[in-house]
Amino acid sequence: MSESANQSQPSNTTPKTPPNPPKGPDAVQFKSKDIGVETAKPQDIFAKQRKEAEKQKQAEKKTRKILIIVFSILGGLIVIGLLIWLIVWLVQINTTPAEDDPVVVDPTVLTTGSTEELSNLSNAAQSAFENAANNGGDAEAAADAIFESATQNDADAAYANQILLSKIMFYGVNGDYASVREIFDEVDPDQLPLDQQIIYYNVGSNAYQEGGDYARAEEYINLVYELSRAEGNGQGGSSE
């Protein structure tokens, strides 16, 4: 058979139909929306925050432990300090000798004739005066009784001038300058120490000033200045 005859003869070959894709649960399904997209895994977006919170929680827990230890130590030191203070206090109480009962001094008994004793005597008379006045009694008589009691003591015989000066001081404090003038000349100032002479002339100057005898008042105030300068220079001494 010639070559041209073979070419003109129609072919009996039938095109093959591609097989249908498998179906069922095991079949692979391809969808256009899934092409190029990787299946996404679920992520915890708060993981970092929880991690930081856990770190902070652990740090706070550690801090609390440290504070507990520190406060425990401080508390122990405070307790120890209090115990030491208590022991020292108890030792002091047990070792400190009891003070003697205060000595009660009778202001009407002079032992040295000091200015302090004269002040005590004058103050005793002032207390008696005020008590009597407050209770409706004879205030002047009550004060005089104090000075009279002082003159009755044998120990006070050498201090007669000091007792009179104490009485003058009492009258001067109460503004009874008439009584000051009545007994003023009974005092021998030469028997008084320098500081008591200053008191004597100072009260006398006020008394005579109030009584209108200005010349005598000036004389006594000048004596006060002279005696004060002498006392400042260490002359004559003082009786304390």
C-alpha atoms as a PDB file:
ATOM      1  CA  MET A   1       0.000   0.000   0.000  1.00  0.00           C
ATOM      2  CA  SER A   2       1.268   3.308  -0.933  1.00  0.00           C
ATOM      3  CA  GLU A   3       2.320   5.972   1.628  1.00  0.00           C
ATOM      4  CA  SER A   4      -0.385   8.370   0.468  1.00  0.00           C
ATOM      5  CA  ALA A   5      -3.045   5.877   1.093  1.00  0.00           C
ATOM      6  CA  ASN A   6      -1.942   5.428   4.672  1.00  0.00           C
ATOM      7  CA  GLN A   7      -2.070   9.126   5.338  1.00  0.00           C
ATOM      8  CA  SER A   8      -5.592   9.575   3.947  1.00  0.00           C
ATOM      9  CA  GLN A   9      -7.032   6.757   5.962  1.00  0.00           C
ATOM     10  CA  PRO A  10      -8.822   8.033   9.065  1.00  0.00           C
ATOM     11  CA  SER A  11      -7.470   6.958  12.439  1.00  0.00           C
ATOM     12  CA  ASN A  12      -9.630   4.745  14.612  1.00  0.00           C
ATOM     13  CA  THR A  13      -7.936   5.886  17.884  1.00  0.00           C
ATOM     14  CA  THR A  14     -10.455   7.395  20.398  1.00  0.00           C
ATOM     15  CA  PRO A  15      -9.167  10.076  22.905  1.00  0.00           C
ATOM     16  CA  LYS A  16      -9.034   8.851  26.488  1.00  0.00           C
ATOM     17  CA  THR A  17     -11.196  10.577  29.081  1.00  0.00           C
ATOM     18  CA  PRO A  18      -9.233  11.524  32.254  1.00  0.00           C
ATOM     19  CA  PRO A  19     -10.328   9.641  35.320  1.00  0.00           C
ATOM     20  CA  ASN A  20     -12.661  11.306  37.773  1.00  0.00           C
ATOM     21  CA  PRO A  21     -11.006  12.418  41.043  1.00  0.00           C
ATOM     22  CA  PRO A  22     -11.603  10.173  43.964  1.00  0.00           C
ATOM     23  CA  LYS A  23     -14.473  10.931  46.265  1.00  0.00           C
ATOM     24  CA  GLY A  24     -15.035  10.168  49.898  1.00  0.00           C
ATOM     25  CA  PRO A  25     -13.472  11.171  53.219  1.00  0.00           C
ATOM     26  CA  ASP A  26      -9.951  10.313  52.062  1.00  0.00           C
ATOM     27  CA  ALA A  27     -10.171  12.432  48.979  1.00  0.00           C
ATOM     28  CA  VAL A  28      -7.972  15.516  48.946  1.00  0.00           C
ATOM     29  CA  GLN A  29     -10.061  18.604  48.488  1.00  0.00           C
ATOM     30  CA  PHE A  30      -8.512  21.574  46.778  1.00  0.00           C
ATOM     31  CA  LYS A  31     -10.155  24.932  47.063  1.00  0.00           C
ATOM     32  CA  SER A  32      -8.963  28.136  45.518  1.00  0.00           C
ATOM     33  CA  LYS A  33      -9.248  30.043  48.832  1.00  0.00           C
ATOM     34  CA  ASP A  34      -6.842  27.594  50.468  1.00  0.00           C
ATOM     35  CA  ILE A  35      -4.186  27.847  47.838  1.00  0.00           C
ATOM     36  CA  GLY A  36      -1.076  29.541  49.246  1.00  0.00           C
ATOM     37  CA  VAL A  37      -2.548  29.918  52.755  1.00  0.00           C
ATOM     38  CA  GLU A  38      -0.897  28.054  55.595  1.00  0.00           C
ATOM     39  CA  THR A  39      -3.274  26.703  58.156  1.00  0.00           C
ATOM     40  CA  ALA A  40      -3.068  29.176  61.166  1.00  0.00           C
ATOM     41  CA  LYS A  41      -2.303  27.862  64.665  1.00  0.00           C
ATOM     42  CA  PRO A  42      -4.114  29.480  67.660  1.00  0.00           C
ATOM     43  CA  GLN A  43      -1.837  31.880  69.646  1.00  0.00           C
ATOM     44  CA  ASP A  44      -2.149  33.185  73.286  1.00  0.00           C
ATOM     45  CA  ILE A  45      -1.917  36.945  72.947  1.00  0.00           C
ATOM     46  CA  PHE A  46      -1.778  37.438  76.777  1.00  0.00           C
ATOM     47  CA  ALA A  47       1.108  35.052  77.356  1.00  0.00           C
ATOM     48  CA  LYS A  48       3.647  37.875  77.697  1.00  0.00           C
ATOM     49  CA  GLN A  49       1.499  39.771  80.149  1.00  0.00           C
ATOM     50  CA  ARG A  50       0.976  36.665  82.255  1.00  0.00           C
ATOM     51  CA  LYS A  51       4.684  35.985  82.229  1.00  0.00           C
ATOM     52  CA  GLU A  52       5.476  39.516  83.431  1.00  0.00           C
ATOM     53  CA  ALA A  53       2.765  39.306  86.085  1.00  0.00           C
ATOM     54  CA  GLU A  54       4.220  36.037  87.340  1.00  0.00           C
ATOM     55  CA  LYS A  55       7.668  37.591  87.568  1.00  0.00           C
ATOM     56  CA  GLN A  56       6.275  40.534  89.522  1.00  0.00           C
ATOM     57  CA  LYS A  57       4.376  38.201  91.810  1.00  0.00           C
ATOM     58  CA  GLN A  58       7.541  36.232  92.548  1.00  0.00           C
ATOM     59  CA  ALA A  59       9.467  39.454  93.196  1.00  0.00           C
ATOM     60  CA  GLU A  60       6.800  40.699  95.609  1.00  0.00           C
ATOM     61  CA  LYS A  61       6.795  37.375  97.383  1.00  0.00           C
ATOM     62  CA  LYS A  62      10.557  37.558  97.768  1.00  0.00           C
ATOM     63  CA  THR A  63      10.327  41.141  99.053  1.00  0.00           C
ATOM     64  CA  ARG A  64       7.732  40.122 101.652  1.00  0.00           C
ATOM     65  CA  LYS A  65      10.009  37.378 102.893  1.00  0.00           C
ATOM     66  CA  ILE A  66      12.880  39.827 103.234  1.00  0.00           C
ATOM     67  CA  LEU A  67      10.685  42.344 105.087  1.00  0.00           C
ATOM     68  CA  ILE A  68       9.436  39.660 107.445  1.00  0.00           C
ATOM     69  CA  ILE A  69      13.008  38.715 108.276  1.00  0.00           C
ATOM     70  CA  VAL A  70      14.057  42.363 108.765  1.00  0.00           C
ATOM     71  CA  PHE A  71      11.078  43.184 110.993  1.00  0.00           C
ATOM     72  CA  SER A  72      11.669  40.031 112.987  1.00  0.00           C
ATOM     73  CA  ILE A  73      15.251  41.091 113.625  1.00  0.00           C
ATOM     74  CA  LEU A  74      14.209  44.645 114.533  1.00  0.00           C
ATOM     75  CA  GLY A  75      11.490  43.372 116.833  1.00  0.00           C
ATOM     76  CA  GLY A  76      13.989  41.134 118.565  1.00  0.00           C
ATOM     77  CA  LEU A  77      16.406  44.028 119.039  1.00  0.00           C
ATOM     78  CA  ILE A  78      13.658  46.211 120.494  1.00  0.00           C
ATOM     79  CA  VAL A  79      12.658  43.501 122.940  1.00  0.00           C
ATOM     80  CA  ILE A  80      16.282  43.012 123.961  1.00  0.00           C
ATOM     81  CA  GLY A  81      16.687  46.781 124.422  1.00  0.00           C
ATOM     82  CA  LEU A  82      13.599  46.969 126.617  1.00  0.00           C
ATOM     83  CA  LEU A  83      14.817  44.072 128.714  1.00  0.00           C
ATOM     84  CA  ILE A  84      18.207  45.747 129.208  1.00  0.00           C
ATOM     85  CA  TRP A  85      16.520  49.022 130.189  1.00  0.00           C
ATOM     86  CA  LEU A  86      14.262  47.183 132.637  1.00  0.00           C
ATOM     87  CA  ILE A  87      17.219  45.401 134.212  1.00  0.00           C
ATOM     88  CA  VAL A  88      19.186  48.645 134.577  1.00  0.00           C
ATOM     89  CA  TRP A  89      16.163  50.398 136.073  1.00  0.00           C
ATOM     90  CA  LEU A  90      15.597  47.607 138.575  1.00  0.00           C
ATOM     91  CA  VAL A  91      19.270  47.613 139.533  1.00  0.00           C
ATOM     92  CA  GLN A  92      19.182  51.361 140.110  1.00  0.00           C
ATOM     93  CA  ILE A  93      16.107  51.050 142.295  1.00  0.00           C
ATOM     94  CA  ASN A  94      17.673  48.316 144.363  1.00  0.00           C
ATOM     95  CA  THR A  95      21.074  49.996 144.698  1.00  0.00           C
ATOM     96  CA  THR A  96      20.007  53.630 145.202  1.00  0.00           C
ATOM     97  CA  PRO A  97      19.817  54.316 148.909  1.00  0.00           C
ATOM     98  CA  ALA A  98      16.534  55.649 150.168  1.00  0.00           C
ATOM     99  CA  GLU A  99      16.587  59.359 150.769  1.00  0.00           C
ATOM    100  CA  ASP A 100      16.407  60.495 154.332  1.00  0.00           C
ATOM    101  CA  ASP A 101      13.219  62.126 155.461  1.00  0.00           C
ATOM    102  CA  PRO A 102      13.400  65.860 154.828  1.00  0.00           C
ATOM    103  CA  VAL A 103      14.578  67.784 157.837  1.00  0.00           C
ATOM    104  CA  VAL A 104      11.868  70.079 159.144  1.00  0.00           C
ATOM    105  CA  VAL A 105      13.468  73.380 160.093  1.00  0.00           C
ATOM    106  CA  ASP A 106      11.803  75.539 162.708  1.00  0.00           C
ATOM    107  CA  PRO A 107      11.943  79.046 161.190  1.00  0.00           C
ATOM    108  CA  THR A 108      11.784  80.592 164.641  1.00  0.00           C
ATOM    109  CA  VAL A 109      15.155  79.098 165.598  1.00  0.00           C
ATOM    110  CA  LEU A 110      18.171  80.891 164.147  1.00  0.00           C
ATOM    111  CA  THR A 111      21.439  78.977 164.093  1.00  0.00           C
ATOM    112  CA  THR A 112      23.658  81.257 162.004  1.00  0.00           C
ATOM    113  CA  GLY A 113      21.725  84.499 161.658  1.00  0.00           C
ATOM    114  CA  SER A 114      22.066  84.270 157.883  1.00  0.00           C
ATOM    115  CA  THR A 115      19.932  86.284 155.481  1.00  0.00           C
ATOM    116  CA  GLU A 116      18.298  83.019 154.429  1.00  0.00           C
ATOM    117  CA  GLU A 117      17.198  82.349 158.005  1.00  0.00           C
ATOM    118  CA  LEU A 118      15.820  85.900 158.283  1.00  0.00           C
ATOM    119  CA  SER A 119      13.817  85.332 155.090  1.00  0.00           C
ATOM    120  CA  ASN A 120      12.456  82.040 156.450  1.00  0.00           C
ATOM    121  CA  LEU A 121      11.384  83.747 159.675  1.00  0.00           C
ATOM    122  CA  SER A 122       9.728  86.587 157.779  1.00  0.00           C
ATOM    123  CA  ASN A 123       7.952  84.118 155.464  1.00  0.00           C
ATOM    124  CA  ALA A 124       6.674  82.130 158.467  1.00  0.00           C
ATOM    125  CA  ALA A 125       5.201  85.318 159.893  1.00  0.00           C
ATOM    126  CA  GLN A 126       3.641  86.091 156.497  1.00  0.00           C
ATOM    127  CA  SER A 127       1.986  82.647 156.375  1.00  0.00           C
ATOM    128  CA  ALA A 128       0.612  83.059 159.893  1.00  0.00           C
ATOM    129  CA  PHE A 129      -0.642  86.538 158.969  1.00  0.00           C
ATOM    130  CA  GLU A 130      -2.467  85.318 155.860  1.00  0.00           C
ATOM    131  CA  ASN A 131      -3.969  82.248 157.543  1.00  0.00           C
ATOM    132  CA  ALA A 132      -5.384  84.329 160.360  1.00  0.00           C
ATOM    133  CA  ALA A 133      -6.734  86.927 157.930  1.00  0.00           C
ATOM    134  CA  ASN A 134      -8.430  84.243 155.826  1.00  0.00           C
ATOM    135  CA  ASN A 135     -10.040  82.657 158.866  1.00  0.00           C
ATOM    136  CA  GLY A 136     -11.255  85.845 160.500  1.00  0.00           C
ATOM    137  CA  GLY A 137      -8.497  85.951 163.134  1.00  0.00           C
ATOM    138  CA  ASP A 138      -6.152  88.673 164.294  1.00  0.00           C
ATOM    139  CA  ALA A 139      -3.578  88.673 161.508  1.00  0.00           C
ATOM    140  CA  GLU A 140      -1.145  91.108 163.140  1.00  0.00           C
ATOM    141  CA  ALA A 141      -1.166  89.179 166.417  1.00  0.00           C
ATOM    142  CA  ALA A 142      -0.506  85.929 164.578  1.00  0.00           C
ATOM    143  CA  ALA A 143       2.541  87.421 162.843  1.00  0.00           C
ATOM    144  CA  ASP A 144       3.842  88.980 166.056  1.00  0.00           C
ATOM    145  CA  ALA A 145       3.579  85.588 167.761  1.00  0.00           C
ATOM    146  CA  ILE A 146       6.074  84.160 165.275  1.00  0.00           C
ATOM    147  CA  PHE A 147       8.661  86.841 166.024  1.00  0.00           C
ATOM    148  CA  GLU A 148       7.979  86.589 169.751  1.00  0.00           C
ATOM    149  CA  SER A 149       8.584  82.846 169.591  1.00  0.00           C
ATOM    150  CA  ALA A 150      11.962  83.508 167.951  1.00  0.00           C
ATOM    151  CA  THR A 151      13.041  85.869 170.740  1.00  0.00           C
ATOM    152  CA  GLN A 152      12.205  83.251 173.398  1.00  0.00           C
ATOM    153  CA  ASN A 153      14.818  80.788 172.154  1.00  0.00           C
ATOM    154  CA  ASP A 154      18.125  80.918 173.973  1.00  0.00           C
ATOM    155  CA  ALA A 155      19.901  80.081 170.733  1.00  0.00           C
ATOM    156  CA  ASP A 156      18.575  83.305 169.220  1.00  0.00           C
ATOM    157  CA  ALA A 157      19.989  85.614 171.915  1.00  0.00           C
ATOM    158  CA  ALA A 158      22.960  86.474 169.721  1.00  0.00           C
ATOM    159  CA  TYR A 159      20.679  87.311 166.803  1.00  0.00           C
ATOM    160  CA  ALA A 160      18.371  89.885 168.372  1.00  0.00           C
ATOM    161  CA  ASN A 161      19.251  92.436 165.661  1.00  0.00           C
ATOM    162  CA  GLN A 162      18.584  89.879 162.912  1.00  0.00           C
ATOM    163  CA  ILE A 163      15.162  89.058 164.378  1.00  0.00           C
ATOM    164  CA  LEU A 164      14.264  92.774 164.401  1.00  0.00           C
ATOM    165  CA  LEU A 165      15.491  93.079 160.825  1.00  0.00           C
ATOM    166  CA  SER A 166      13.329  90.102 159.837  1.00  0.00           C
ATOM    167  CA  LYS A 167      10.363  91.883 161.390  1.00  0.00           C
ATOM    168  CA  ILE A 168      11.221  95.070 159.451  1.00  0.00           C
ATOM    169  CA  MET A 169      11.365  92.987 156.268  1.00  0.00           C
ATOM    170  CA  PHE A 170       7.911  91.580 157.036  1.00  0.00           C
ATOM    171  CA  TYR A 171       6.423  95.040 157.575  1.00  0.00           C
ATOM    172  CA  GLY A 172       8.106  96.381 154.450  1.00  0.00           C
ATOM    173  CA  VAL A 173       6.680  93.577 152.265  1.00  0.00           C
ATOM    174  CA  ASN A 174       3.198  94.395 153.536  1.00  0.00           C
ATOM    175  CA  GLY A 175       3.637  98.152 153.103  1.00  0.00           C
ATOM    176  CA  ASP A 176       3.287  98.801 156.840  1.00  0.00           C
ATOM    177  CA  TYR A 177       5.916 101.527 156.900  1.00  0.00           C
ATOM    178  CA  ALA A 178       4.570 103.054 160.109  1.00  0.00           C
ATOM    179  CA  SER A 179       5.509  99.853 161.962  1.00  0.00           C
ATOM    180  CA  VAL A 180       8.924  99.918 160.258  1.00  0.00           C
ATOM    181  CA  ARG A 181       9.592 103.397 161.625  1.00  0.00           C
ATOM    182  CA  GLU A 182       8.483 102.339 165.111  1.00  0.00           C
ATOM    183  CA  ILE A 183      11.155  99.682 165.526  1.00  0.00           C
ATOM    184  CA  PHE A 184      13.751 100.943 163.051  1.00  0.00           C
ATOM    185  CA  ASP A 185      16.050 102.565 165.599  1.00  0.00           C
ATOM    186  CA  GLU A 186      16.019  99.468 167.839  1.00  0.00           C
ATOM    187  CA  VAL A 187      18.350  97.748 165.396  1.00  0.00           C
ATOM    188  CA  ASP A 188      22.118  98.158 165.727  1.00  0.00           C
ATOM    189  CA  PRO A 189      23.251  98.051 162.092  1.00  0.00           C
ATOM    190  CA  ASP A 190      26.889  97.627 163.121  1.00  0.00           C
ATOM    191  CA  GLN A 191      25.946  94.145 164.342  1.00  0.00           C
ATOM    192  CA  LEU A 192      24.673  93.180 160.924  1.00  0.00           C
ATOM    193  CA  PRO A 193      26.736  91.823 158.015  1.00  0.00           C
ATOM    194  CA  LEU A 194      27.063  94.039 154.965  1.00  0.00           C
ATOM    195  CA  ASP A 195      24.264  92.470 152.900  1.00  0.00           C
ATOM    196  CA  GLN A 196      21.825  92.778 155.804  1.00  0.00           C
ATOM    197  CA  GLN A 197      22.804  96.426 156.350  1.00  0.00           C
ATOM    198  CA  ILE A 198      21.838  97.094 152.714  1.00  0.00           C
ATOM    199  CA  ILE A 199      18.417  95.522 153.320  1.00  0.00           C
ATOM    200  CA  TYR A 200      18.018  97.505 156.567  1.00  0.00           C
ATOM    201  CA  TYR A 201      18.741 100.920 155.028  1.00  0.00           C
ATOM    202  CA  ASN A 202      16.818 100.196 151.854  1.00  0.00           C
ATOM    203  CA  VAL A 203      13.597  99.386 153.737  1.00  0.00           C
ATOM    204  CA  GLY A 204      14.242 102.351 156.063  1.00  0.00           C
ATOM    205  CA  SER A 205      14.611 104.733 153.123  1.00  0.00           C
ATOM    206  CA  ASN A 206      11.247 103.614 151.722  1.00  0.00           C
ATOM    207  CA  ALA A 207       9.601 103.907 155.137  1.00  0.00           C
ATOM    208  CA  TYR A 208      10.824 107.466 155.804  1.00  0.00           C
ATOM    209  CA  GLN A 209      10.089 108.497 152.226  1.00  0.00           C
ATOM    210  CA  GLU A 210       6.506 107.337 152.758  1.00  0.00           C
ATOM    211  CA  GLY A 211       6.414 109.160 156.099  1.00  0.00           C
ATOM    212  CA  GLY A 212       7.516 112.447 154.550  1.00  0.00           C
ATOM    213  CA  ASP A 213      10.981 112.541 156.133  1.00  0.00           C
ATOM    214  CA  TYR A 214      12.797 113.029 152.840  1.00  0.00           C
ATOM    215  CA  ALA A 215      16.104 114.027 154.382  1.00  0.00           C
ATOM    216  CA  ARG A 216      16.381 110.781 156.312  1.00  0.00           C
ATOM    217  CA  ALA A 217      15.149 108.823 153.339  1.00  0.00           C
ATOM    218  CA  GLU A 218      17.905 110.364 151.179  1.00  0.00           C
ATOM    219  CA  GLU A 219      20.511 109.657 153.862  1.00  0.00           C
ATOM    220  CA  TYR A 220      19.593 105.983 153.936  1.00  0.00           C
ATOM    221  CA  ILE A 221      19.440 105.552 150.180  1.00  0.00           C
ATOM    222  CA  ASN A 222      22.929 107.087 149.922  1.00  0.00           C
ATOM    223  CA  LEU A 223      24.116 104.552 152.491  1.00  0.00           C
ATOM    224  CA  VAL A 224      22.585 101.795 150.360  1.00  0.00           C
ATOM    225  CA  TYR A 225      24.666 102.958 147.347  1.00  0.00           C
ATOM    226  CA  GLU A 226      27.872 103.155 149.400  1.00  0.00           C
ATOM    227  CA  LEU A 227      27.366  99.742 150.980  1.00  0.00           C
ATOM    228  CA  SER A 228      26.501  98.199 147.622  1.00  0.00           C
ATOM    229  CA  ARG A 229      29.770  99.498 146.150  1.00  0.00           C
ATOM    230  CA  ALA A 230      31.658  98.154 149.150  1.00  0.00           C
ATOM    231  CA  GLU A 231      29.970  94.799 148.766  1.00  0.00           C
ATOM    232  CA  GLY A 232      30.881  94.781 145.073  1.00  0.00           C
ATOM    233  CA  ASN A 233      34.502  95.357 146.026  1.00  0.00           C
ATOM    234  CA  GLY A 234      34.396  92.423 148.397  1.00  0.00           C
ATOM    235  CA  GLN A 235      34.386  94.465 151.597  1.00  0.00           C
ATOM    236  CA  GLY A 236      32.460  93.441 154.668  1.00  0.00           C
ATOM    237  CA  GLY A 237      31.386  90.033 153.313  1.00  0.00           C
ATOM    238  CA  SER A 238      27.829  88.726 153.516  1.00  0.00           C
ATOM    239  CA  SER A 239      25.840  86.365 155.645  1.00  0.00           C
ATOM    240  CA  GLU A 240      24.055  83.723 153.560  1.00  0.00           C
END
